[in-house]
Amino acid sequence: MPVPPEATPDQTTSSPVAGAEPQPEAPGRLGGRLEPVPPQQRGLLTEQIARRLEHDIRSGDIAIGAKLPSERELAIQFGASRNVVREVLRRLEAQSLIEVAPGRGSFVSEHSSAQARGYDALYRAERPTARHLIEARIPLEVEIIGLATERATEADIAAMTVANDLLLTAQDVVTQARADLDFHDAIAAASGNPVLRIMLSSISGMMFEMMLRSNSDPSIGEPGVPHHPEILEAVKARDVDLARHRMREHLSLGLRTYGADLDVSLDVMATRHIETLLRSQQGG
């Protein structure tokens, strides 16, 4: 889309972020000076700010064609470093929610309105909960793992192994959640069925939010419950029945461990959990 005309000094096109106020003593700030943010907090801050801006764009609080505040202004509003803000803007650009004009700034893309009508937005309009997502994933991913166990090539198994190894060694919850998502996507790719993979991809945003919580919850290590290494082992053994059983048990774990979060909107749960993690890390 054409980039809006550059504003004159007395015409401001920047659109303030809804609900974002300057935070003089925000995370990573000491005596008004931004300090380096630890890697564990950096990923969570990026996720928190991106979620806020994405919500404001999709909901229309920031209109199509509106110019976002500058990197400096966003950093002040959210109490984050400019490096974190740049990561957020790159993510929004990759989602086709904004267009970046060098030397001009970032503008909400006209594609964002079509994006908002995508499957993820349709799902979220119904305020799905963790229970809803688990109930949907079980039949979908149990079928996917069965096909993947029969059809996976050596390259497919290598992709699953890479994602599994990253999940086991990652030091922060955001990296763990991304590796978790990559593992399940690698299985879907190995199924050889593009329709099933697209179906899983359509709920990947909500899966990522659940994975942020799951990978920071000690109860997820419940004894006797199969996780990724055991699922991968069954795929390598070409044991379809065992792979299907282990995937079902793996996905069902949340029904036993999520407690009150099980029936809370995923958006609310994820926002609250990110804020809790940030507070606990800042306190540490």
C-alpha atoms as a PDB file:
ATOM      1  CA  MET A   1       0.000   0.000   0.000  1.00  0.00           C
ATOM      2  CA  PRO A   2       1.216   3.576  -0.529  1.00  0.00           C
ATOM      3  CA  VAL A   3       2.867   4.983   2.568  1.00  0.00           C
ATOM      4  CA  PRO A   4       0.917   7.952   3.987  1.00  0.00           C
ATOM      5  CA  PRO A   5       2.377  11.396   3.308  1.00  0.00           C
ATOM      6  CA  GLU A   6       4.994  12.539   5.735  1.00  0.00           C
ATOM      7  CA  ALA A   7       3.584  14.640   8.544  1.00  0.00           C
ATOM      8  CA  THR A   8       4.396  18.293   8.803  1.00  0.00           C
ATOM      9  CA  PRO A   9       5.716  19.542  12.148  1.00  0.00           C
ATOM     10  CA  ASP A  10       2.235  20.576  13.308  1.00  0.00           C
ATOM     11  CA  GLN A  11       0.552  17.360  12.123  1.00  0.00           C
ATOM     12  CA  THR A  12       1.300  14.246  14.162  1.00  0.00           C
ATOM     13  CA  THR A  13       0.346  10.928  12.566  1.00  0.00           C
ATOM     14  CA  SER A  14       1.736   8.723  15.312  1.00  0.00           C
ATOM     15  CA  SER A  15      -0.990   6.762  17.019  1.00  0.00           C
ATOM     16  CA  PRO A  16      -0.477   6.243  20.761  1.00  0.00           C
ATOM     17  CA  VAL A  17      -0.746   2.669  21.968  1.00  0.00           C
ATOM     18  CA  ALA A  18      -3.967   2.102  23.873  1.00  0.00           C
ATOM     19  CA  GLY A  19      -3.410   1.756  27.586  1.00  0.00           C
ATOM     20  CA  ALA A  20       0.341   2.250  27.381  1.00  0.00           C
ATOM     21  CA  GLU A  21       1.569   4.987  29.688  1.00  0.00           C
ATOM     22  CA  PRO A  22       5.179   6.094  30.232  1.00  0.00           C
ATOM     23  CA  GLN A  23       6.794   3.967  32.929  1.00  0.00           C
ATOM     24  CA  PRO A  24       9.664   5.845  34.605  1.00  0.00           C
ATOM     25  CA  GLU A  25      10.730   2.900  36.721  1.00  0.00           C
ATOM     26  CA  ALA A  26       9.874   0.063  34.367  1.00  0.00           C
ATOM     27  CA  PRO A  27      11.771  -3.256  34.122  1.00  0.00           C
ATOM     28  CA  GLY A  28      15.396  -2.810  33.088  1.00  0.00           C
ATOM     29  CA  ARG A  29      15.432   0.846  34.178  1.00  0.00           C
ATOM     30  CA  LEU A  30      17.578   2.130  37.040  1.00  0.00           C
ATOM     31  CA  GLY A  31      17.445   5.792  38.008  1.00  0.00           C
ATOM     32  CA  GLY A  32      15.843   6.689  34.672  1.00  0.00           C
ATOM     33  CA  ARG A  33      18.583   4.916  32.697  1.00  0.00           C
ATOM     34  CA  LEU A  34      17.769   1.726  30.749  1.00  0.00           C
ATOM     35  CA  GLU A  35      19.957  -1.186  31.801  1.00  0.00           C
ATOM     36  CA  PRO A  36      20.601  -4.352  29.755  1.00  0.00           C
ATOM     37  CA  VAL A  37      17.694  -6.755  30.135  1.00  0.00           C
ATOM     38  CA  PRO A  38      18.581 -10.381  30.988  1.00  0.00           C
ATOM     39  CA  PRO A  39      17.852 -12.805  28.104  1.00  0.00           C
ATOM     40  CA  GLN A  40      15.055 -14.498  30.077  1.00  0.00           C
ATOM     41  CA  GLN A  41      13.244 -11.159  30.491  1.00  0.00           C
ATOM     42  CA  ARG A  42      14.001  -9.930  26.978  1.00  0.00           C
ATOM     43  CA  GLY A  43      11.955 -12.674  25.327  1.00  0.00           C
ATOM     44  CA  LEU A  44       9.035 -12.151  27.678  1.00  0.00           C
ATOM     45  CA  LEU A  45       9.111  -8.357  27.222  1.00  0.00           C
ATOM     46  CA  THR A  46       9.117  -8.799  23.456  1.00  0.00           C
ATOM     47  CA  GLU A  47       6.139 -11.130  23.711  1.00  0.00           C
ATOM     48  CA  GLN A  48       4.256  -8.780  26.059  1.00  0.00           C
ATOM     49  CA  ILE A  49       4.729  -5.668  23.902  1.00  0.00           C
ATOM     50  CA  ALA A  50       4.030  -7.497  20.634  1.00  0.00           C
ATOM     51  CA  ARG A  51       0.783  -8.874  22.053  1.00  0.00           C
ATOM     52  CA  ARG A  52      -0.348  -5.377  23.090  1.00  0.00           C
ATOM     53  CA  LEU A  53       0.406  -3.812  19.713  1.00  0.00           C
ATOM     54  CA  GLU A  54      -1.035  -6.750  17.786  1.00  0.00           C
ATOM     55  CA  HIS A  55      -4.267  -6.503  19.797  1.00  0.00           C
ATOM     56  CA  ASP A  56      -4.532  -2.752  19.189  1.00  0.00           C
ATOM     57  CA  ILE A  57      -3.975  -3.181  15.439  1.00  0.00           C
ATOM     58  CA  ARG A  58      -6.347  -6.101  14.991  1.00  0.00           C
ATOM     59  CA  SER A  59      -9.073  -4.433  17.067  1.00  0.00           C
ATOM     60  CA  GLY A  60      -8.815  -1.170  15.122  1.00  0.00           C
ATOM     61  CA  ASP A  61      -7.618   0.872  18.117  1.00  0.00           C
ATOM     62  CA  ILE A  62      -4.701   1.765  15.849  1.00  0.00           C
ATOM     63  CA  ALA A  63      -6.207   2.482  12.426  1.00  0.00           C
ATOM     64  CA  ILE A  64      -5.001   1.266   9.035  1.00  0.00           C
ATOM     65  CA  GLY A  65      -2.434   3.723   7.706  1.00  0.00           C
ATOM     66  CA  ALA A  66      -1.671   5.151  11.145  1.00  0.00           C
ATOM     67  CA  LYS A  67       1.947   5.738  12.008  1.00  0.00           C
ATOM     68  CA  LEU A  68       3.189   3.940  15.103  1.00  0.00           C
ATOM     69  CA  PRO A  69       5.147   5.897  17.694  1.00  0.00           C
ATOM     70  CA  SER A  70       8.885   5.989  17.095  1.00  0.00           C
ATOM     71  CA  GLU A  71      11.191   3.339  18.556  1.00  0.00           C
ATOM     72  CA  ARG A  72      12.196   5.810  21.258  1.00  0.00           C
ATOM     73  CA  GLU A  73       8.578   6.625  22.132  1.00  0.00           C
ATOM     74  CA  LEU A  74       7.597   2.950  22.270  1.00  0.00           C
ATOM     75  CA  ALA A  75      10.623   2.209  24.453  1.00  0.00           C
ATOM     76  CA  ILE A  76       9.516   4.910  26.906  1.00  0.00           C
ATOM     77  CA  GLN A  77       5.863   3.817  26.860  1.00  0.00           C
ATOM     78  CA  PHE A  78       6.706   0.195  27.589  1.00  0.00           C
ATOM     79  CA  GLY A  79       9.820   0.685  29.685  1.00  0.00           C
ATOM     80  CA  ALA A  80      11.886  -1.454  27.323  1.00  0.00           C
ATOM     81  CA  SER A  81      15.122  -1.012  25.395  1.00  0.00           C
ATOM     82  CA  ARG A  82      15.079   0.020  21.768  1.00  0.00           C
ATOM     83  CA  ASN A  83      16.550  -3.380  20.856  1.00  0.00           C
ATOM     84  CA  VAL A  84      13.458  -5.052  22.324  1.00  0.00           C
ATOM     85  CA  VAL A  85      11.215  -2.613  20.425  1.00  0.00           C
ATOM     86  CA  ARG A  86      13.044  -3.415  17.181  1.00  0.00           C
ATOM     87  CA  GLU A  87      12.399  -7.117  17.729  1.00  0.00           C
ATOM     88  CA  VAL A  88       8.710  -6.345  18.254  1.00  0.00           C
ATOM     89  CA  LEU A  89       8.511  -4.285  15.049  1.00  0.00           C
ATOM     90  CA  ARG A  90      10.265  -7.024  13.048  1.00  0.00           C
ATOM     91  CA  ARG A  91       7.696  -9.511  14.337  1.00  0.00           C
ATOM     92  CA  LEU A  92       4.749  -7.274  13.424  1.00  0.00           C
ATOM     93  CA  GLU A  93       6.239  -6.672   9.973  1.00  0.00           C
ATOM     94  CA  ALA A  94       6.657 -10.425   9.441  1.00  0.00           C
ATOM     95  CA  GLN A  95       2.963 -10.838  10.272  1.00  0.00           C
ATOM     96  CA  SER A  96       2.076  -8.202   7.638  1.00  0.00           C
ATOM     97  CA  LEU A  97       0.533  -6.032  10.357  1.00  0.00           C
ATOM     98  CA  ILE A  98       2.853  -3.093   9.702  1.00  0.00           C
ATOM     99  CA  GLU A  99       4.999  -1.751   6.878  1.00  0.00           C
ATOM    100  CA  VAL A 100       8.328  -0.118   7.704  1.00  0.00           C
ATOM    101  CA  ALA A 101       9.389   2.827   5.550  1.00  0.00           C
ATOM    102  CA  PRO A 102      13.118   3.564   6.112  1.00  0.00           C
ATOM    103  CA  GLY A 103      13.552   7.048   7.485  1.00  0.00           C
ATOM    104  CA  ARG A 104       9.789   7.497   7.804  1.00  0.00           C
ATOM    105  CA  GLY A 105       8.648   5.058  10.455  1.00  0.00           C
ATOM    106  CA  SER A 106       6.234   2.144  10.820  1.00  0.00           C
ATOM    107  CA  PHE A 107       2.678   2.251   9.471  1.00  0.00           C
ATOM    108  CA  VAL A 108      -0.252  -0.114  10.022  1.00  0.00           C
ATOM    109  CA  SER A 109      -0.664  -2.117   6.838  1.00  0.00           C
ATOM    110  CA  GLU A 110      -3.894  -2.420   4.912  1.00  0.00           C
ATOM    111  CA  HIS A 111      -3.235  -6.159   4.909  1.00  0.00           C
ATOM    112  CA  SER A 112      -3.846  -6.153   8.670  1.00  0.00           C
ATOM    113  CA  SER A 113      -7.612  -5.983   8.141  1.00  0.00           C
ATOM    114  CA  ALA A 114      -7.540  -9.148   6.041  1.00  0.00           C
ATOM    115  CA  GLN A 115      -5.166 -10.714   8.544  1.00  0.00           C
ATOM    116  CA  ALA A 116      -7.662  -9.997  11.306  1.00  0.00           C
ATOM    117  CA  ARG A 117     -10.216 -12.129   9.490  1.00  0.00           C
ATOM    118  CA  GLY A 118      -7.882 -15.129   9.483  1.00  0.00           C
ATOM    119  CA  TYR A 119      -8.505 -18.291  11.411  1.00  0.00           C
ATOM    120  CA  ASP A 120      -6.652 -17.136  14.504  1.00  0.00           C
ATOM    121  CA  ALA A 121      -8.919 -14.099  14.814  1.00  0.00           C
ATOM    122  CA  LEU A 122     -12.014 -16.244  14.259  1.00  0.00           C
ATOM    123  CA  TYR A 123     -10.951 -18.600  17.014  1.00  0.00           C
ATOM    124  CA  ARG A 124     -10.170 -15.785  19.429  1.00  0.00           C
ATOM    125  CA  ALA A 125     -13.517 -14.106  18.808  1.00  0.00           C
ATOM    126  CA  GLU A 126     -15.048 -17.068  20.638  1.00  0.00           C
ATOM    127  CA  ARG A 127     -12.677 -16.613  23.611  1.00  0.00           C
ATOM    128  CA  PRO A 128     -11.311 -20.185  23.565  1.00  0.00           C
ATOM    129  CA  THR A 129      -9.848 -21.656  26.728  1.00  0.00           C
ATOM    130  CA  ALA A 130      -6.980 -24.071  27.327  1.00  0.00           C
ATOM    131  CA  ARG A 131      -9.543 -26.852  27.680  1.00  0.00           C
ATOM    132  CA  HIS A 132     -10.991 -26.046  24.245  1.00  0.00           C
ATOM    133  CA  LEU A 133      -7.550 -26.093  22.665  1.00  0.00           C
ATOM    134  CA  ILE A 134      -6.517 -29.376  24.298  1.00  0.00           C
ATOM    135  CA  GLU A 135      -9.766 -31.021  23.231  1.00  0.00           C
ATOM    136  CA  ALA A 136      -9.111 -29.898  19.648  1.00  0.00           C
ATOM    137  CA  ARG A 137      -5.449 -30.883  19.613  1.00  0.00           C
ATOM    138  CA  ILE A 138      -5.924 -34.441  20.862  1.00  0.00           C
ATOM    139  CA  PRO A 139      -7.811 -35.874  17.855  1.00  0.00           C
ATOM    140  CA  LEU A 140      -5.819 -33.749  15.401  1.00  0.00           C
ATOM    141  CA  GLU A 141      -2.331 -34.505  16.687  1.00  0.00           C
ATOM    142  CA  VAL A 142      -2.985 -38.150  17.538  1.00  0.00           C
ATOM    143  CA  GLU A 143      -3.885 -38.697  13.874  1.00  0.00           C
ATOM    144  CA  ILE A 144      -0.902 -36.619  12.740  1.00  0.00           C
ATOM    145  CA  ILE A 145       1.590 -38.588  14.840  1.00  0.00           C
ATOM    146  CA  GLY A 146       0.215 -41.873  13.525  1.00  0.00           C
ATOM    147  CA  LEU A 147       0.795 -40.818   9.923  1.00  0.00           C
ATOM    148  CA  ALA A 148       4.175 -39.286  10.742  1.00  0.00           C
ATOM    149  CA  THR A 149       5.353 -42.516  12.366  1.00  0.00           C
ATOM    150  CA  GLU A 150       4.528 -44.404   9.186  1.00  0.00           C
ATOM    151  CA  ARG A 151       5.860 -41.825   6.730  1.00  0.00           C
ATOM    152  CA  ALA A 152       8.690 -39.854   8.359  1.00  0.00           C
ATOM    153  CA  THR A 153      11.913 -39.657   6.361  1.00  0.00           C
ATOM    154  CA  GLU A 154      15.358 -39.395   7.919  1.00  0.00           C
ATOM    155  CA  ALA A 155      15.233 -35.646   7.261  1.00  0.00           C
ATOM    156  CA  ASP A 156      11.886 -35.407   9.069  1.00  0.00           C
ATOM    157  CA  ILE A 157      13.272 -37.274  12.082  1.00  0.00           C
ATOM    158  CA  ALA A 158      16.340 -35.034  12.073  1.00  0.00           C
ATOM    159  CA  ALA A 159      14.075 -31.933  12.193  1.00  0.00           C
ATOM    160  CA  MET A 160      12.173 -33.391  15.159  1.00  0.00           C
ATOM    161  CA  THR A 161      15.464 -34.180  16.898  1.00  0.00           C
ATOM    162  CA  VAL A 162      16.790 -30.633  16.448  1.00  0.00           C
ATOM    163  CA  ALA A 163      13.623 -29.133  17.943  1.00  0.00           C
ATOM    164  CA  ASN A 164      13.624 -31.635  20.801  1.00  0.00           C
ATOM    165  CA  ASP A 165      17.286 -30.952  21.629  1.00  0.00           C
ATOM    166  CA  LEU A 166      16.705 -27.182  21.621  1.00  0.00           C
ATOM    167  CA  LEU A 167      13.738 -27.543  23.961  1.00  0.00           C
ATOM    168  CA  LEU A 168      15.826 -29.606  26.390  1.00  0.00           C
ATOM    169  CA  THR A 169      18.734 -27.127  26.423  1.00  0.00           C
ATOM    170  CA  ALA A 170      16.960 -23.742  26.137  1.00  0.00           C
ATOM    171  CA  GLN A 171      17.463 -21.411  29.088  1.00  0.00           C
ATOM    172  CA  ASP A 172      14.386 -19.207  28.728  1.00  0.00           C
ATOM    173  CA  VAL A 173      10.693 -19.975  28.416  1.00  0.00           C
ATOM    174  CA  VAL A 174      10.151 -18.157  25.098  1.00  0.00           C
ATOM    175  CA  THR A 175      12.882 -20.169  23.349  1.00  0.00           C
ATOM    176  CA  GLN A 176      11.473 -23.327  24.913  1.00  0.00           C
ATOM    177  CA  ALA A 177       7.969 -22.519  23.665  1.00  0.00           C
ATOM    178  CA  ARG A 178       9.228 -21.847  20.131  1.00  0.00           C
ATOM    179  CA  ALA A 179      11.144 -25.143  20.127  1.00  0.00           C
ATOM    180  CA  ASP A 180       8.042 -26.909  21.449  1.00  0.00           C
ATOM    181  CA  LEU A 181       5.994 -25.477  18.585  1.00  0.00           C
ATOM    182  CA  ASP A 182       8.702 -26.413  16.070  1.00  0.00           C
ATOM    183  CA  PHE A 183       8.655 -30.022  17.323  1.00  0.00           C
ATOM    184  CA  HIS A 184       4.912 -30.379  16.757  1.00  0.00           C
ATOM    185  CA  ASP A 185       5.185 -28.670  13.361  1.00  0.00           C
ATOM    186  CA  ALA A 186       7.983 -31.045  12.345  1.00  0.00           C
ATOM    187  CA  ILE A 187       5.708 -33.977  13.180  1.00  0.00           C
ATOM    188  CA  ALA A 188       2.912 -32.431  11.097  1.00  0.00           C
ATOM    189  CA  ALA A 189       5.300 -31.969   8.174  1.00  0.00           C
ATOM    190  CA  ALA A 190       6.356 -35.611   8.509  1.00  0.00           C
ATOM    191  CA  SER A 191       2.724 -36.742   8.244  1.00  0.00           C
ATOM    192  CA  GLY A 192       2.905 -35.942   4.534  1.00  0.00           C
ATOM    193  CA  ASN A 193      -0.561 -34.392   4.672  1.00  0.00           C
ATOM    194  CA  PRO A 194      -0.496 -30.638   3.935  1.00  0.00           C
ATOM    195  CA  VAL A 195      -4.123 -30.188   5.012  1.00  0.00           C
ATOM    196  CA  LEU A 196      -3.395 -31.543   8.492  1.00  0.00           C
ATOM    197  CA  ARG A 197      -0.295 -29.373   8.741  1.00  0.00           C
ATOM    198  CA  ILE A 198      -2.242 -26.251   7.777  1.00  0.00           C
ATOM    199  CA  MET A 199      -4.966 -27.143  10.274  1.00  0.00           C
ATOM    200  CA  LEU A 200      -2.358 -27.375  13.032  1.00  0.00           C
ATOM    201  CA  SER A 201      -0.692 -24.163  11.867  1.00  0.00           C
ATOM    202  CA  SER A 202      -4.016 -22.318  12.139  1.00  0.00           C
ATOM    203  CA  ILE A 203      -3.986 -22.846  15.923  1.00  0.00           C
ATOM    204  CA  SER A 204      -0.225 -22.367  16.388  1.00  0.00           C
ATOM    205  CA  GLY A 205      -0.619 -18.904  17.933  1.00  0.00           C
ATOM    206  CA  MET A 206      -2.843 -20.301  20.682  1.00  0.00           C
ATOM    207  CA  MET A 207      -0.567 -23.333  21.072  1.00  0.00           C
ATOM    208  CA  PHE A 208       2.390 -20.995  21.634  1.00  0.00           C
ATOM    209  CA  GLU A 209       0.503 -19.241  24.446  1.00  0.00           C
ATOM    210  CA  MET A 210      -0.198 -22.569  26.130  1.00  0.00           C
ATOM    211  CA  MET A 211       3.416 -23.616  25.677  1.00  0.00           C
ATOM    212  CA  LEU A 212       4.657 -20.477  27.451  1.00  0.00           C
ATOM    213  CA  ARG A 213       2.710 -21.604  30.490  1.00  0.00           C
ATOM    214  CA  SER A 214       3.466 -25.318  30.203  1.00  0.00           C
ATOM    215  CA  ASN A 215       7.220 -24.858  29.863  1.00  0.00           C
ATOM    216  CA  SER A 216       7.390 -22.757  33.031  1.00  0.00           C
ATOM    217  CA  ASP A 217       5.148 -25.043  35.128  1.00  0.00           C
ATOM    218  CA  PRO A 218       7.014 -27.581  37.332  1.00  0.00           C
ATOM    219  CA  SER A 219       3.971 -29.870  37.382  1.00  0.00           C
ATOM    220  CA  ILE A 220       4.440 -30.468  33.666  1.00  0.00           C
ATOM    221  CA  GLY A 221       7.143 -32.943  34.639  1.00  0.00           C
ATOM    222  CA  GLU A 222       4.579 -35.305  36.150  1.00  0.00           C
ATOM    223  CA  PRO A 223       6.235 -38.757  36.512  1.00  0.00           C
ATOM    224  CA  GLY A 224       5.272 -41.387  33.973  1.00  0.00           C
ATOM    225  CA  VAL A 225       3.873 -38.910  31.428  1.00  0.00           C
ATOM    226  CA  PRO A 226       5.458 -39.165  27.955  1.00  0.00           C
ATOM    227  CA  HIS A 227       7.047 -36.006  26.618  1.00  0.00           C
ATOM    228  CA  HIS A 228       8.883 -35.186  23.424  1.00  0.00           C
ATOM    229  CA  PRO A 229      11.814 -37.624  23.857  1.00  0.00           C
ATOM    230  CA  GLU A 230       9.420 -40.540  24.376  1.00  0.00           C
ATOM    231  CA  ILE A 231       7.263 -39.486  21.433  1.00  0.00           C
ATOM    232  CA  LEU A 232      10.342 -39.170  19.228  1.00  0.00           C
ATOM    233  CA  GLU A 233      11.528 -42.597  20.388  1.00  0.00           C
ATOM    234  CA  ALA A 234       8.222 -44.155  19.267  1.00  0.00           C
ATOM    235  CA  VAL A 235       8.481 -42.448  15.855  1.00  0.00           C
ATOM    236  CA  LYS A 236      12.006 -43.750  15.351  1.00  0.00           C
ATOM    237  CA  ALA A 237      10.802 -47.254  16.276  1.00  0.00           C
ATOM    238  CA  ARG A 238       7.962 -46.940  13.721  1.00  0.00           C
ATOM    239  CA  ASP A 239       5.532 -48.018  16.457  1.00  0.00           C
ATOM    240  CA  VAL A 240       2.307 -46.307  15.395  1.00  0.00           C
ATOM    241  CA  ASP A 241       0.161 -47.468  18.319  1.00  0.00           C
ATOM    242  CA  LEU A 242       2.766 -46.429  20.878  1.00  0.00           C
ATOM    243  CA  ALA A 243       3.297 -43.032  19.210  1.00  0.00           C
ATOM    244  CA  ARG A 244      -0.441 -42.339  19.180  1.00  0.00           C
ATOM    245  CA  HIS A 245      -0.758 -43.386  22.835  1.00  0.00           C
ATOM    246  CA  ARG A 246       2.165 -41.223  23.933  1.00  0.00           C
ATOM    247  CA  MET A 247       0.880 -38.165  22.056  1.00  0.00           C
ATOM    248  CA  ARG A 248      -2.564 -38.562  23.614  1.00  0.00           C
ATOM    249  CA  GLU A 249      -1.085 -38.816  27.117  1.00  0.00           C
ATOM    250  CA  HIS A 250       1.241 -35.890  26.473  1.00  0.00           C
ATOM    251  CA  LEU A 251      -1.560 -33.586  25.344  1.00  0.00           C
ATOM    252  CA  SER A 252      -3.929 -34.730  28.103  1.00  0.00           C
ATOM    253  CA  LEU A 253      -1.519 -33.673  30.840  1.00  0.00           C
ATOM    254  CA  GLY A 254      -2.826 -30.096  30.810  1.00  0.00           C
ATOM    255  CA  LEU A 255      -6.306 -31.329  31.713  1.00  0.00           C
ATOM    256  CA  ARG A 256      -4.850 -32.548  35.032  1.00  0.00           C
ATOM    257  CA  THR A 257      -2.337 -29.806  35.781  1.00  0.00           C
ATOM    258  CA  TYR A 258      -3.759 -26.459  34.611  1.00  0.00           C
ATOM    259  CA  GLY A 259      -6.182 -26.056  37.510  1.00  0.00           C
ATOM    260  CA  ALA A 260      -8.207 -22.847  37.310  1.00  0.00           C
ATOM    261  CA  ASP A 261      -6.324 -21.781  34.153  1.00  0.00           C
ATOM    262  CA  LEU A 262      -7.985 -24.596  32.229  1.00  0.00           C
ATOM    263  CA  ASP A 263     -11.222 -22.640  31.766  1.00  0.00           C
ATOM    264  CA  VAL A 264      -9.797 -19.123  31.443  1.00  0.00           C
ATOM    265  CA  SER A 265      -9.587 -17.397  28.045  1.00  0.00           C
ATOM    266  CA  LEU A 266      -6.204 -18.157  26.455  1.00  0.00           C
ATOM    267  CA  ASP A 267      -5.602 -14.436  25.835  1.00  0.00           C
ATOM    268  CA  VAL A 268      -6.185 -13.637  29.508  1.00  0.00           C
ATOM    269  CA  MET A 269      -4.161 -16.618  30.708  1.00  0.00           C
ATOM    270  CA  ALA A 270      -1.171 -15.786  28.496  1.00  0.00           C
ATOM    271  CA  THR A 271      -1.141 -12.080  29.386  1.00  0.00           C
ATOM    272  CA  ARG A 272      -1.394 -12.819  33.093  1.00  0.00           C
ATOM    273  CA  HIS A 273       1.258 -15.527  32.942  1.00  0.00           C
ATOM    274  CA  ILE A 274       3.768 -13.338  31.072  1.00  0.00           C
ATOM    275  CA  GLU A 275       3.297 -10.575  33.648  1.00  0.00           C
ATOM    276  CA  THR A 276       3.771 -13.081  36.498  1.00  0.00           C
ATOM    277  CA  LEU A 277       6.976 -14.435  34.961  1.00  0.00           C
ATOM    278  CA  LEU A 278       8.371 -10.935  34.443  1.00  0.00           C
ATOM    279  CA  ARG A 279       7.628  -9.989  38.063  1.00  0.00           C
ATOM    280  CA  SER A 280       9.229 -13.166  39.404  1.00  0.00           C
ATOM    281  CA  GLN A 281      12.380 -12.668  37.321  1.00  0.00           C
ATOM    282  CA  GLN A 282      12.651  -9.014  38.307  1.00  0.00           C
ATOM    283  CA  GLY A 283      12.303 -10.037  41.950  1.00  0.00           C
ATOM    284  CA  GLY A 284      15.067 -12.580  41.490  1.00  0.00           C
END
